[in-house]
């Protein structure tokens, strides 16, 4: 099973689309690893530098409507290629969210107030988030904060299997 935690990558913006997650010019790439260096390279966000800010991160925290745009599975693949297996947001585009679970990755939706609290609790660069249903735990040098979330049974099954292909292989042989 993938590790659903690590240092936090904050993207403080709504409506980050799949072209910003992985530009369309890389859709012909055949391996997930080849997408790694192109994750978020076209994202326009003041102060954000993908070359500096992505390395070593394991969880992405963002705002509403993450993954809007096209239905490309390359967007979760690019996150996965960088070791980011969990995204926490106010909301996700429906197809992006399902693509995350199909890849065996977590797409955790929390109310805006909880996202604000997570951002506030984890501004410390040494903070680490651990996510595993039903909890998100943020640990910093001086405190531990916990939030709960809900996964439906099918999404939980996909996570436990490692994604849709492994789930289907185990279930249908």
C-alpha atoms as a PDB file:
ATOM      1  CA  UNK A   1       0.000   0.000   0.000  1.00  0.00           C
ATOM      2  CA  UNK A   2       1.161   3.532  -0.786  1.00  0.00           C
ATOM      3  CA  UNK A   3       2.285   5.899   1.959  1.00  0.00           C
ATOM      4  CA  UNK A   4      -0.391   8.560   2.340  1.00  0.00           C
ATOM      5  CA  UNK A   5       1.568  11.248   4.078  1.00  0.00           C
ATOM      6  CA  UNK A   6       4.650  13.380   4.231  1.00  0.00           C
ATOM      7  CA  UNK A   7       5.655  16.986   4.003  1.00  0.00           C
ATOM      8  CA  UNK A   8       3.000  19.322   2.632  1.00  0.00           C
ATOM      9  CA  UNK A   9       2.806  21.107  -0.720  1.00  0.00           C
ATOM     10  CA  UNK A  10       0.388  24.045  -0.413  1.00  0.00           C
ATOM     11  CA  UNK A  11      -1.305  25.382  -3.533  1.00  0.00           C
ATOM     12  CA  UNK A  12      -3.404  28.247  -2.244  1.00  0.00           C
ATOM     13  CA  UNK A  13      -5.780  28.679  -5.183  1.00  0.00           C
ATOM     14  CA  UNK A  14      -9.164  27.477  -6.455  1.00  0.00           C
ATOM     15  CA  UNK A  15      -9.754  25.904  -9.872  1.00  0.00           C
ATOM     16  CA  UNK A  16      -6.346  24.373 -10.580  1.00  0.00           C
ATOM     17  CA  UNK A  17      -7.013  22.505 -13.795  1.00  0.00           C
ATOM     18  CA  UNK A  18      -5.484  19.383 -15.297  1.00  0.00           C
ATOM     19  CA  UNK A  19      -3.510  21.434 -17.859  1.00  0.00           C
ATOM     20  CA  UNK A  20      -1.808  23.162 -14.944  1.00  0.00           C
ATOM     21  CA  UNK A  21      -1.228  19.849 -13.154  1.00  0.00           C
ATOM     22  CA  UNK A  22       0.360  18.315 -16.257  1.00  0.00           C
ATOM     23  CA  UNK A  23       0.447  20.274 -19.550  1.00  0.00           C
ATOM     24  CA  UNK A  24      -1.277  18.671 -22.550  1.00  0.00           C
ATOM     25  CA  UNK A  25       1.979  18.499 -24.538  1.00  0.00           C
ATOM     26  CA  UNK A  26       3.045  15.595 -22.269  1.00  0.00           C
ATOM     27  CA  UNK A  27      -0.024  13.425 -22.909  1.00  0.00           C
ATOM     28  CA  UNK A  28       1.910  11.311 -25.392  1.00  0.00           C
ATOM     29  CA  UNK A  29       4.408  10.303 -22.714  1.00  0.00           C
ATOM     30  CA  UNK A  30       4.142   6.567 -22.109  1.00  0.00           C
ATOM     31  CA  UNK A  31       5.646   6.233 -18.631  1.00  0.00           C
ATOM     32  CA  UNK A  32       4.475   7.818 -15.408  1.00  0.00           C
ATOM     33  CA  UNK A  33       8.064   8.538 -14.379  1.00  0.00           C
ATOM     34  CA  UNK A  34       8.599  10.661 -17.498  1.00  0.00           C
ATOM     35  CA  UNK A  35       5.841  12.992 -16.243  1.00  0.00           C
ATOM     36  CA  UNK A  36       7.619  13.640 -12.953  1.00  0.00           C
ATOM     37  CA  UNK A  37       9.671  16.686 -13.929  1.00  0.00           C
ATOM     38  CA  UNK A  38       6.694  18.392 -15.585  1.00  0.00           C
ATOM     39  CA  UNK A  39       4.266  18.373 -12.648  1.00  0.00           C
ATOM     40  CA  UNK A  40       2.731  21.832 -12.181  1.00  0.00           C
ATOM     41  CA  UNK A  41       5.279  23.456 -14.510  1.00  0.00           C
ATOM     42  CA  UNK A  42       2.594  25.734 -16.023  1.00  0.00           C
ATOM     43  CA  UNK A  43       0.901  26.630 -12.727  1.00  0.00           C
ATOM     44  CA  UNK A  44       0.727  30.414 -12.279  1.00  0.00           C
ATOM     45  CA  UNK A  45       0.829  30.943  -8.533  1.00  0.00           C
ATOM     46  CA  UNK A  46       2.805  33.806  -6.962  1.00  0.00           C
ATOM     47  CA  UNK A  47       5.880  32.515  -5.158  1.00  0.00           C
ATOM     48  CA  UNK A  48       5.488  28.953  -6.429  1.00  0.00           C
ATOM     49  CA  UNK A  49       8.464  27.325  -8.160  1.00  0.00           C
ATOM     50  CA  UNK A  50       7.883  23.680  -9.089  1.00  0.00           C
ATOM     51  CA  UNK A  51      11.608  22.989  -9.290  1.00  0.00           C
ATOM     52  CA  UNK A  52      12.033  24.100  -5.700  1.00  0.00           C
ATOM     53  CA  UNK A  53       8.672  23.405  -4.042  1.00  0.00           C
ATOM     54  CA  UNK A  54       7.625  19.873  -5.102  1.00  0.00           C
ATOM     55  CA  UNK A  55      10.657  17.781  -4.151  1.00  0.00           C
ATOM     56  CA  UNK A  56      10.189  15.784  -0.974  1.00  0.00           C
ATOM     57  CA  UNK A  57       6.475  16.520  -0.606  1.00  0.00           C
ATOM     58  CA  UNK A  58       3.978  13.708  -0.007  1.00  0.00           C
ATOM     59  CA  UNK A  59       0.630  15.479   0.395  1.00  0.00           C
ATOM     60  CA  UNK A  60      -0.915  18.342  -1.554  1.00  0.00           C
ATOM     61  CA  UNK A  61      -3.323  20.731   0.229  1.00  0.00           C
ATOM     62  CA  UNK A  62      -5.333  23.110  -1.927  1.00  0.00           C
ATOM     63  CA  UNK A  63      -8.659  24.903  -2.347  1.00  0.00           C
ATOM     64  CA  UNK A  64     -11.863  24.196  -4.302  1.00  0.00           C
ATOM     65  CA  UNK A  65     -12.412  22.456  -7.648  1.00  0.00           C
ATOM     66  CA  UNK A  66      -8.973  20.864  -7.924  1.00  0.00           C
ATOM     67  CA  UNK A  67      -8.457  18.893 -11.132  1.00  0.00           C
ATOM     68  CA  UNK A  68     -11.071  20.684 -13.222  1.00  0.00           C
ATOM     69  CA  UNK A  69     -10.670  20.653 -16.990  1.00  0.00           C
ATOM     70  CA  UNK A  70     -10.148  17.533 -19.037  1.00  0.00           C
ATOM     71  CA  UNK A  71     -10.551  13.961 -17.866  1.00  0.00           C
ATOM     72  CA  UNK A  72      -6.927  12.964 -18.378  1.00  0.00           C
ATOM     73  CA  UNK A  73      -5.529  10.304 -16.086  1.00  0.00           C
ATOM     74  CA  UNK A  74      -2.073  11.802 -16.578  1.00  0.00           C
ATOM     75  CA  UNK A  75      -2.789  14.390 -13.857  1.00  0.00           C
ATOM     76  CA  UNK A  76      -2.912  11.830 -11.009  1.00  0.00           C
ATOM     77  CA  UNK A  77      -0.035   9.945 -12.659  1.00  0.00           C
ATOM     78  CA  UNK A  78       2.163  13.064 -12.495  1.00  0.00           C
ATOM     79  CA  UNK A  79       1.360  13.455  -8.792  1.00  0.00           C
ATOM     80  CA  UNK A  80       2.091   9.752  -8.217  1.00  0.00           C
ATOM     81  CA  UNK A  81       5.397   9.987 -10.099  1.00  0.00           C
ATOM     82  CA  UNK A  82       6.423  12.639  -7.563  1.00  0.00           C
ATOM     83  CA  UNK A  83       5.410  10.592  -4.518  1.00  0.00           C
ATOM     84  CA  UNK A  84       2.265  12.645  -3.834  1.00  0.00           C
ATOM     85  CA  UNK A  85      -0.417  10.044  -3.109  1.00  0.00           C
ATOM     86  CA  UNK A  86      -2.907  12.232  -1.234  1.00  0.00           C
ATOM     87  CA  UNK A  87      -4.597  15.501  -2.146  1.00  0.00           C
ATOM     88  CA  UNK A  88      -6.716  17.349   0.405  1.00  0.00           C
ATOM     89  CA  UNK A  89      -9.082  19.982  -0.983  1.00  0.00           C
ATOM     90  CA  UNK A  90     -12.450  21.640  -0.492  1.00  0.00           C
ATOM     91  CA  UNK A  91     -13.679  19.901  -3.638  1.00  0.00           C
ATOM     92  CA  UNK A  92     -12.507  18.068  -6.737  1.00  0.00           C
ATOM     93  CA  UNK A  93     -13.670  17.830 -10.298  1.00  0.00           C
ATOM     94  CA  UNK A  94     -15.664  14.575 -10.409  1.00  0.00           C
ATOM     95  CA  UNK A  95     -13.548  12.762 -13.017  1.00  0.00           C
ATOM     96  CA  UNK A  96     -10.243  13.844 -11.469  1.00  0.00           C
ATOM     97  CA  UNK A  97     -11.394  12.592  -8.075  1.00  0.00           C
ATOM     98  CA  UNK A  98     -12.339   9.197  -9.502  1.00  0.00           C
ATOM     99  CA  UNK A  99      -9.058   8.988 -11.425  1.00  0.00           C
ATOM    100  CA  UNK A 100      -7.220   9.478  -8.128  1.00  0.00           C
ATOM    101  CA  UNK A 101      -9.029   6.522  -6.557  1.00  0.00           C
ATOM    102  CA  UNK A 102      -8.624   4.466  -9.733  1.00  0.00           C
ATOM    103  CA  UNK A 103      -4.869   4.990  -9.294  1.00  0.00           C
ATOM    104  CA  UNK A 104      -5.060   3.929  -5.630  1.00  0.00           C
ATOM    105  CA  UNK A 105      -4.580   7.488  -4.368  1.00  0.00           C
ATOM    106  CA  UNK A 106      -6.557   9.567  -1.860  1.00  0.00           C
ATOM    107  CA  UNK A 107      -8.656  12.586  -2.844  1.00  0.00           C
ATOM    108  CA  UNK A 108      -9.930  13.890   0.493  1.00  0.00           C
ATOM    109  CA  UNK A 109     -12.676  16.515   0.524  1.00  0.00           C
ATOM    110  CA  UNK A 110     -13.014  18.705   3.592  1.00  0.00           C
ATOM    111  CA  UNK A 111     -15.065  21.831   4.292  1.00  0.00           C
ATOM    112  CA  UNK A 112     -13.415  25.194   3.663  1.00  0.00           C
ATOM    113  CA  UNK A 113     -13.149  25.816   7.413  1.00  0.00           C
ATOM    114  CA  UNK A 114     -11.150  22.593   7.872  1.00  0.00           C
ATOM    115  CA  UNK A 115      -8.848  23.462   4.970  1.00  0.00           C
ATOM    116  CA  UNK A 116      -8.224  26.847   6.640  1.00  0.00           C
ATOM    117  CA  UNK A 117      -7.434  25.098   9.940  1.00  0.00           C
ATOM    118  CA  UNK A 118      -5.079  22.637   8.237  1.00  0.00           C
ATOM    119  CA  UNK A 119      -3.261  25.460   6.494  1.00  0.00           C
ATOM    120  CA  UNK A 120      -3.036  27.361   9.774  1.00  0.00           C
ATOM    121  CA  UNK A 121      -1.873  24.321  11.744  1.00  0.00           C
ATOM    122  CA  UNK A 122       0.753  23.278   9.260  1.00  0.00           C
ATOM    123  CA  UNK A 123       2.576  26.402   8.125  1.00  0.00           C
ATOM    124  CA  UNK A 124       5.659  25.039   9.876  1.00  0.00           C
ATOM    125  CA  UNK A 125       8.007  23.628   7.226  1.00  0.00           C
ATOM    126  CA  UNK A 126       8.751  20.662   9.493  1.00  0.00           C
ATOM    127  CA  UNK A 127       5.068  19.645   9.614  1.00  0.00           C
ATOM    128  CA  UNK A 128       4.089  16.224   8.383  1.00  0.00           C
ATOM    129  CA  UNK A 129       0.619  15.014   7.430  1.00  0.00           C
ATOM    130  CA  UNK A 130      -0.335  11.379   7.791  1.00  0.00           C
ATOM    131  CA  UNK A 131      -3.578  10.357   6.124  1.00  0.00           C
ATOM    132  CA  UNK A 132      -5.322   7.092   6.553  1.00  0.00           C
ATOM    133  CA  UNK A 133      -9.036   6.623   6.779  1.00  0.00           C
ATOM    134  CA  UNK A 134     -10.684   7.992   8.772  1.00  0.00           C
ATOM    135  CA  UNK A 135      -8.099  10.530  10.002  1.00  0.00           C
ATOM    136  CA  UNK A 136      -5.687  13.201   8.893  1.00  0.00           C
ATOM    137  CA  UNK A 137      -2.987  13.827  11.485  1.00  0.00           C
ATOM    138  CA  UNK A 138      -0.675  16.835  11.297  1.00  0.00           C
ATOM    139  CA  UNK A 139       2.421  16.620  13.441  1.00  0.00           C
ATOM    140  CA  UNK A 140       4.734  19.552  14.065  1.00  0.00           C
ATOM    141  CA  UNK A 141       7.440  20.131  16.647  1.00  0.00           C
ATOM    142  CA  UNK A 142       5.037  21.394  19.288  1.00  0.00           C
ATOM    143  CA  UNK A 143       1.617  19.862  18.590  1.00  0.00           C
ATOM    144  CA  UNK A 144      -0.537  17.214  16.941  1.00  0.00           C
ATOM    145  CA  UNK A 145      -3.805  18.107  15.186  1.00  0.00           C
ATOM    146  CA  UNK A 146      -6.372  15.628  13.858  1.00  0.00           C
ATOM    147  CA  UNK A 147      -9.246  15.876  11.366  1.00  0.00           C
ATOM    148  CA  UNK A 148     -11.629  13.126  10.320  1.00  0.00           C
ATOM    149  CA  UNK A 149     -12.860  12.301   6.847  1.00  0.00           C
ATOM    150  CA  UNK A 150     -15.146   9.704   5.302  1.00  0.00           C
ATOM    151  CA  UNK A 151     -14.467   7.302   2.456  1.00  0.00           C
ATOM    152  CA  UNK A 152     -17.227   5.309   0.859  1.00  0.00           C
ATOM    153  CA  UNK A 153     -16.722   1.550   0.768  1.00  0.00           C
ATOM    154  CA  UNK A 154     -15.782   1.330  -2.912  1.00  0.00           C
ATOM    155  CA  UNK A 155     -13.151   4.096  -2.665  1.00  0.00           C
ATOM    156  CA  UNK A 156     -11.711   2.364   0.399  1.00  0.00           C
ATOM    157  CA  UNK A 157     -11.587  -0.921  -1.545  1.00  0.00           C
ATOM    158  CA  UNK A 158      -9.740   0.783  -4.411  1.00  0.00           C
ATOM    159  CA  UNK A 159      -7.193   2.276  -1.981  1.00  0.00           C
ATOM    160  CA  UNK A 160      -6.650  -1.040  -0.210  1.00  0.00           C
ATOM    161  CA  UNK A 161      -6.210  -2.872  -3.524  1.00  0.00           C
ATOM    162  CA  UNK A 162      -3.779  -0.278  -4.906  1.00  0.00           C
ATOM    163  CA  UNK A 163      -6.130   1.042  -7.598  1.00  0.00           C
ATOM    164  CA  UNK A 164      -8.710  -0.100 -10.107  1.00  0.00           C
ATOM    165  CA  UNK A 165      -6.547  -2.554 -12.059  1.00  0.00           C
ATOM    166  CA  UNK A 166      -5.431  -4.400  -8.937  1.00  0.00           C
ATOM    167  CA  UNK A 167      -8.973  -4.301  -7.547  1.00  0.00           C
ATOM    168  CA  UNK A 168     -10.422  -5.766 -10.751  1.00  0.00           C
ATOM    169  CA  UNK A 169      -7.719  -8.434 -10.930  1.00  0.00           C
ATOM    170  CA  UNK A 170      -8.401  -9.523  -7.338  1.00  0.00           C
ATOM    171  CA  UNK A 171     -12.173  -9.380  -7.682  1.00  0.00           C
ATOM    172  CA  UNK A 172     -12.680 -10.735 -11.184  1.00  0.00           C
ATOM    173  CA  UNK A 173      -9.476 -12.711 -11.659  1.00  0.00           C
END
